[in-house]
Amino acid sequence: MEKVNLRNQVYGVDFSGASDAGKKIWLARGIIEGDSPRIEWCQRGDCLPGSGKRRDRCLVALRELIGKATAAVFGLDFPFGLPQALVAQEDWESFVLSFPERYPSPGAFRHLCREAAGGRELRRATDRESRTPFSPYNLRLYRQTYFGLRDVLHPLVRDGRASVLPMQRALPDRAWLLEICPASTLKREGRYRPYKGRTDEHRAARASILEQLEAADTVSIPDHDVRSAVLEDRGGDALDSVIAALAAFRALRAPTPFTVEDHDTYALEGYVYV
């Protein structure tokens, strides 16, 4: 497939569905320069204009950022869809537009998915291929999936403020949204190791991962304060946002599926860009 690169900014979003999501979401923004993005800032979700610690305020602010960044690509760390066996609609857009009505709460979402799957945790084709850790409705992930679909993708699709790839066309006057998974990106690179934690070993692992990515000329963080914020975040979420930005950038430069046929599995279930 012909390479696509019509964007000049790339964002990575390490997402959260927690009630205090503004404290847990991290975003990194990179400027595309040649063959790698230069990360110019990395901050928590509650630092966005009009944002706050509460999930509802933070996700409104995130949607506003996406809606205004019409020359950017966003890598977001939550599942954009469900396994085909659990989707009653004929296409992804119908699925996401009907999502809030079908699933009125996170608990109902997980219950109905498990019920339809006979108690099993089904995985999408892209989950198996990219080695994501969990099913979209796993106990550790279902709230992230739910609020990402209901409060981010649903209103953006409804209002025509973003292109969600590869299920929708990559329109030139809208931000492009890609599903990513930082753990899968690191696994593909052979760089995955425990880096989320408070110990000196965890910080050293974060520093090592970042240094290896920079040495490979895949990303750069020239600003000392930004680099420090990435390394000192003990949860590893700041680093995840940088990796998310890198994965989104790579999708622009590699022959990954930006468009798929209507009958393709990715067109309904979604696709993880690693």
Protein backbone atom coordinates (compact mmCIF):
# COMPACT_ATOMS: atom_id res chain seq x y z
CA MET A 1 0.00 0.00 0.00
CA GLU A 2 1.24 3.51 -0.72
CA LYS A 3 2.67 5.29 2.29
CA VAL A 4 0.50 7.97 3.84
CA ASN A 5 1.89 11.06 5.56
CA LEU A 6 -0.33 14.12 5.45
CA ARG A 7 0.07 15.09 9.11
CA ASN A 8 2.54 17.39 10.85
CA GLN A 9 1.74 16.56 14.50
CA VAL A 10 1.39 13.29 16.34
CA TYR A 11 -0.20 12.73 19.76
CA GLY A 12 0.02 9.76 22.06
CA VAL A 13 -2.71 9.30 24.68
CA ASP A 14 -2.35 6.86 27.54
CA PHE A 15 -6.03 6.54 28.44
CA SER A 16 -7.94 5.85 31.64
CA GLY A 17 -11.57 5.21 32.51
CA ALA A 18 -11.11 5.93 36.22
CA SER A 19 -13.33 8.47 37.96
CA ASP A 20 -10.24 10.67 38.43
CA ALA A 21 -9.05 10.09 34.87
CA GLY A 22 -7.57 13.58 34.65
CA LYS A 23 -4.84 12.45 37.06
CA LYS A 24 -4.16 9.20 35.20
CA ILE A 25 -4.38 10.11 31.50
CA TRP A 26 -1.09 11.26 29.98
CA LEU A 27 -0.60 12.90 26.60
CA ALA A 28 2.54 13.42 24.54
CA ARG A 29 2.73 15.66 21.49
CA GLY A 30 5.37 15.33 18.83
CA ILE A 31 6.33 17.41 15.82
CA ILE A 32 7.09 15.31 12.76
CA GLU A 33 10.60 16.07 11.59
CA GLY A 34 12.06 13.81 8.95
CA ASP A 35 12.08 10.19 10.04
CA SER A 36 11.09 10.61 13.69
CA PRO A 37 8.77 12.68 15.90
CA ARG A 38 10.30 15.23 18.27
CA ILE A 39 8.31 15.10 21.53
CA GLU A 40 7.83 18.69 22.65
CA TRP A 41 5.53 18.21 25.61
CA CYS A 42 4.15 15.47 27.84
CA GLN A 43 1.53 16.21 30.49
CA ARG A 44 -1.40 14.83 32.45
CA GLY A 45 -4.95 15.06 31.17
CA ASP A 46 -5.99 17.53 33.85
CA CYS A 47 -3.55 20.07 32.35
CA LEU A 48 -5.58 20.42 29.15
CA PRO A 49 -7.58 23.67 28.74
CA GLY A 50 -10.92 23.34 30.53
CA SER A 51 -9.95 19.97 32.00
CA GLY A 52 -9.86 18.73 35.57
CA LYS A 53 -9.35 15.60 37.63
CA ARG A 54 -12.88 14.30 37.10
CA ARG A 55 -13.36 11.95 34.15
CA ASP A 56 -16.24 13.85 32.58
CA ARG A 57 -14.35 17.17 32.45
CA CYS A 58 -11.13 15.59 31.25
CA LEU A 59 -12.75 13.64 28.42
CA VAL A 60 -14.61 16.74 27.21
CA ALA A 61 -11.26 18.55 27.10
CA LEU A 62 -9.68 15.62 25.26
CA ARG A 63 -12.45 15.66 22.65
CA GLU A 64 -11.97 19.39 22.17
CA LEU A 65 -8.26 18.90 21.61
CA ILE A 66 -8.93 16.19 19.04
CA GLY A 67 -11.62 18.19 17.29
CA LYS A 68 -9.33 21.18 16.83
CA ALA A 69 -6.17 19.29 15.82
CA THR A 70 -7.19 18.78 12.21
CA ALA A 71 -3.63 18.16 10.96
CA ALA A 72 -2.72 15.60 13.62
CA VAL A 73 -2.83 11.86 14.15
CA PHE A 74 -3.69 10.51 17.62
CA GLY A 75 -2.70 7.16 19.04
CA LEU A 76 -5.14 6.22 21.83
CA ASP A 77 -4.63 3.36 24.23
CA PHE A 78 -8.05 1.70 24.46
CA PRO A 79 -9.95 -0.85 22.32
CA PHE A 80 -11.94 0.74 19.49
CA GLY A 81 -14.21 -2.27 19.05
CA LEU A 82 -15.34 -5.71 20.17
CA PRO A 83 -14.93 -9.23 18.77
CA GLN A 84 -17.16 -9.76 15.77
CA ALA A 85 -19.26 -12.39 17.55
CA LEU A 86 -20.44 -9.72 20.04
CA VAL A 87 -21.38 -7.03 17.51
CA ALA A 88 -24.99 -7.06 16.34
CA GLN A 89 -24.62 -4.12 13.93
CA GLU A 90 -23.55 -4.56 10.32
CA ASP A 91 -20.77 -1.96 10.44
CA TRP A 92 -18.50 -0.28 12.98
CA GLU A 93 -20.04 3.18 12.66
CA SER A 94 -23.48 1.82 13.54
CA PHE A 95 -21.90 -0.04 16.43
CA VAL A 96 -20.25 3.05 17.94
CA LEU A 97 -23.27 5.30 17.39
CA SER A 98 -25.57 2.83 19.19
CA PHE A 99 -23.05 2.06 21.94
CA PRO A 100 -24.41 4.32 24.75
CA GLU A 101 -27.95 3.07 24.25
CA ARG A 102 -27.00 -0.60 24.17
CA TYR A 103 -24.61 -0.36 27.12
CA PRO A 104 -25.96 2.13 29.71
CA SER A 105 -23.14 1.56 32.23
CA PRO A 106 -19.69 -0.04 32.48
CA GLY A 107 -21.15 -2.88 34.55
CA ALA A 108 -23.86 -3.55 31.97
CA PHE A 109 -21.22 -3.50 29.24
CA ARG A 110 -19.08 -6.17 30.88
CA HIS A 111 -22.09 -8.28 31.89
CA LEU A 112 -23.66 -8.25 28.42
CA CYS A 113 -20.36 -9.05 26.73
CA ARG A 114 -19.67 -11.97 29.04
CA GLU A 115 -23.24 -13.21 28.71
CA ALA A 116 -23.09 -13.12 24.90
CA ALA A 117 -19.72 -14.89 24.97
CA GLY A 118 -20.88 -17.66 27.31
CA GLY A 119 -18.64 -16.39 30.10
CA ARG A 120 -15.54 -16.43 27.92
CA GLU A 121 -13.22 -13.53 27.23
CA LEU A 122 -13.12 -13.41 23.46
CA ARG A 123 -10.36 -11.53 21.67
CA ARG A 124 -10.36 -9.73 18.36
CA ALA A 125 -8.22 -10.81 15.43
CA THR A 126 -5.99 -7.77 15.98
CA ASP A 127 -5.60 -8.62 19.70
CA ARG A 128 -4.16 -12.01 18.77
CA GLU A 129 -1.95 -10.61 16.03
CA SER A 130 -0.51 -7.70 18.05
CA ARG A 131 -0.36 -9.61 21.36
CA THR A 132 -2.43 -7.18 23.41
CA PRO A 133 -2.66 -8.25 27.06
CA PHE A 134 -6.46 -8.49 27.50
CA SER A 135 -9.85 -8.96 25.91
CA PRO A 136 -11.65 -5.59 25.49
CA TYR A 137 -14.05 -6.47 28.33
CA ASN A 138 -11.50 -8.03 30.68
CA LEU A 139 -11.91 -6.98 34.32
CA ARG A 140 -8.78 -4.83 34.12
CA LEU A 141 -9.74 -3.13 30.85
CA TYR A 142 -13.51 -2.93 30.49
CA ARG A 143 -13.92 0.55 32.01
CA GLN A 144 -11.19 1.89 29.74
CA THR A 145 -12.95 0.35 26.73
CA TYR A 146 -16.35 1.60 27.85
CA PHE A 147 -15.50 5.24 28.45
CA GLY A 148 -13.21 5.39 25.43
CA LEU A 149 -16.02 4.23 23.16
CA ARG A 150 -18.86 6.10 24.87
CA ASP A 151 -17.24 9.40 25.80
CA VAL A 152 -14.52 9.82 23.17
CA LEU A 153 -15.27 7.96 19.94
CA HIS A 154 -19.08 8.10 20.02
CA PRO A 155 -19.43 11.91 20.23
CA LEU A 156 -16.57 12.54 17.79
CA VAL A 157 -18.09 10.18 15.20
CA ARG A 158 -21.60 11.48 15.81
CA ASP A 159 -20.47 15.07 15.24
CA GLY A 160 -18.12 14.29 12.36
CA ARG A 161 -15.07 15.72 14.18
CA ALA A 162 -12.53 12.94 13.59
CA SER A 163 -11.70 10.03 11.29
CA VAL A 164 -11.38 6.72 13.16
CA LEU A 165 -9.07 4.40 11.23
CA PRO A 166 -9.24 2.01 9.54
CA MET A 167 -13.01 1.79 9.96
CA GLN A 168 -13.60 5.24 8.44
CA ARG A 169 -11.99 7.15 5.59
CA ALA A 170 -8.93 9.24 6.46
CA LEU A 171 -10.42 12.63 5.64
CA PRO A 172 -7.92 15.48 5.20
CA ASP A 173 -9.78 18.05 7.32
CA ARG A 174 -10.09 15.95 10.50
CA ALA A 175 -7.80 14.43 13.10
CA TRP A 176 -7.05 10.76 12.49
CA LEU A 177 -7.53 8.41 15.45
CA LEU A 178 -5.64 5.12 15.74
CA GLU A 179 -5.88 2.40 18.36
CA ILE A 180 -2.49 1.58 19.85
CA CYS A 181 -1.07 -0.56 22.66
CA PRO A 182 2.28 0.51 24.16
CA ALA A 183 3.02 -3.00 25.47
CA SER A 184 2.52 -4.45 21.99
CA THR A 185 4.81 -1.83 20.47
CA LEU A 186 7.57 -2.64 22.97
CA LYS A 187 7.10 -6.38 22.42
CA ARG A 188 7.49 -5.94 18.69
CA GLU A 189 10.73 -4.05 19.33
CA GLY A 190 11.98 -6.67 21.79
CA ARG A 191 12.26 -3.91 24.40
CA TYR A 192 9.53 -4.91 26.85
CA ARG A 193 10.55 -5.20 30.52
CA PRO A 194 8.86 -4.20 33.80
CA TYR A 195 9.00 -0.40 33.96
CA LYS A 196 5.90 0.59 35.91
CA GLY A 197 6.76 1.15 39.55
CA ARG A 198 8.48 3.20 42.23
CA THR A 199 11.78 1.39 42.57
CA ASP A 200 15.14 2.47 41.20
CA GLU A 201 15.02 -0.58 38.95
CA HIS A 202 11.74 0.56 37.41
CA ARG A 203 13.09 4.04 36.76
CA ALA A 204 16.24 2.56 35.24
CA ALA A 205 14.05 0.43 32.98
CA ARG A 206 12.12 3.51 31.83
CA ALA A 207 15.38 5.30 31.11
CA SER A 208 16.77 2.30 29.24
CA ILE A 209 13.65 1.96 27.06
CA LEU A 210 13.69 5.65 26.20
CA GLU A 211 17.43 5.64 25.47
CA GLN A 212 17.06 2.64 23.17
CA LEU A 213 14.22 4.28 21.25
CA GLU A 214 16.24 7.46 20.86
CA ALA A 215 19.38 5.55 19.84
CA ALA A 216 17.35 3.85 17.11
CA ASP A 217 16.30 7.33 15.86
CA THR A 218 12.63 6.45 16.31
CA VAL A 219 11.80 9.32 18.69
CA SER A 220 13.59 12.23 20.37
CA ILE A 221 12.98 14.29 23.51
CA PRO A 222 15.46 17.17 23.49
CA ASP A 223 13.84 19.18 26.30
CA HIS A 224 15.21 18.26 29.75
CA ASP A 225 11.98 19.01 31.63
CA VAL A 226 9.88 16.90 29.27
CA ARG A 227 12.35 14.04 29.53
CA SER A 228 12.33 14.29 33.31
CA ALA A 229 8.52 14.18 33.41
CA VAL A 230 8.54 10.98 31.34
CA LEU A 231 11.13 9.26 33.52
CA GLU A 232 9.80 10.38 36.91
CA ASP A 233 6.20 9.28 36.34
CA ARG A 234 6.20 6.12 38.45
CA GLY A 235 3.15 4.61 36.82
CA GLY A 236 4.90 4.56 33.46
CA ASP A 237 1.91 6.30 31.89
CA ALA A 238 3.95 9.25 30.63
CA LEU A 239 6.33 6.87 28.87
CA ASP A 240 3.32 4.99 27.48
CA SER A 241 2.04 8.21 25.93
CA VAL A 242 5.40 8.73 24.20
CA ILE A 243 5.30 5.14 22.90
CA ALA A 244 1.72 5.75 21.73
CA ALA A 245 2.89 8.79 19.76
CA LEU A 246 5.67 6.70 18.24
CA ALA A 247 3.23 3.97 17.19
CA ALA A 248 0.93 6.53 15.59
CA PHE A 249 3.88 8.05 13.73
CA ARG A 250 4.99 4.66 12.46
CA ALA A 251 1.51 4.03 11.12
CA LEU A 252 1.93 7.08 8.92
CA ARG A 253 5.19 5.77 7.50
CA ALA A 254 4.45 2.06 7.16
CA PRO A 255 2.12 0.07 4.88
CA THR A 256 -0.48 -0.50 7.60
CA PRO A 257 -4.22 -0.58 6.81
CA PHE A 258 -5.60 2.95 6.73
CA THR A 259 -8.57 1.71 4.75
CA VAL A 260 -10.09 -1.76 4.60
CA GLU A 261 -12.88 -3.41 2.68
CA ASP A 262 -16.31 -3.36 4.31
CA HIS A 263 -16.27 -7.14 4.70
CA ASP A 264 -12.82 -7.16 6.33
CA THR A 265 -12.62 -8.18 10.00
CA TYR A 266 -10.72 -4.99 10.84
CA ALA A 267 -13.57 -2.89 9.42
CA LEU A 268 -15.82 -4.12 12.23
CA GLU A 269 -13.51 -5.06 15.10
CA GLY A 270 -10.82 -2.38 14.76
CA TYR A 271 -7.06 -2.63 14.32
CA VAL A 272 -4.14 -2.08 16.71
CA TYR A 273 -1.28 -0.09 15.15
CA VAL A 274 2.03 -1.19 16.65
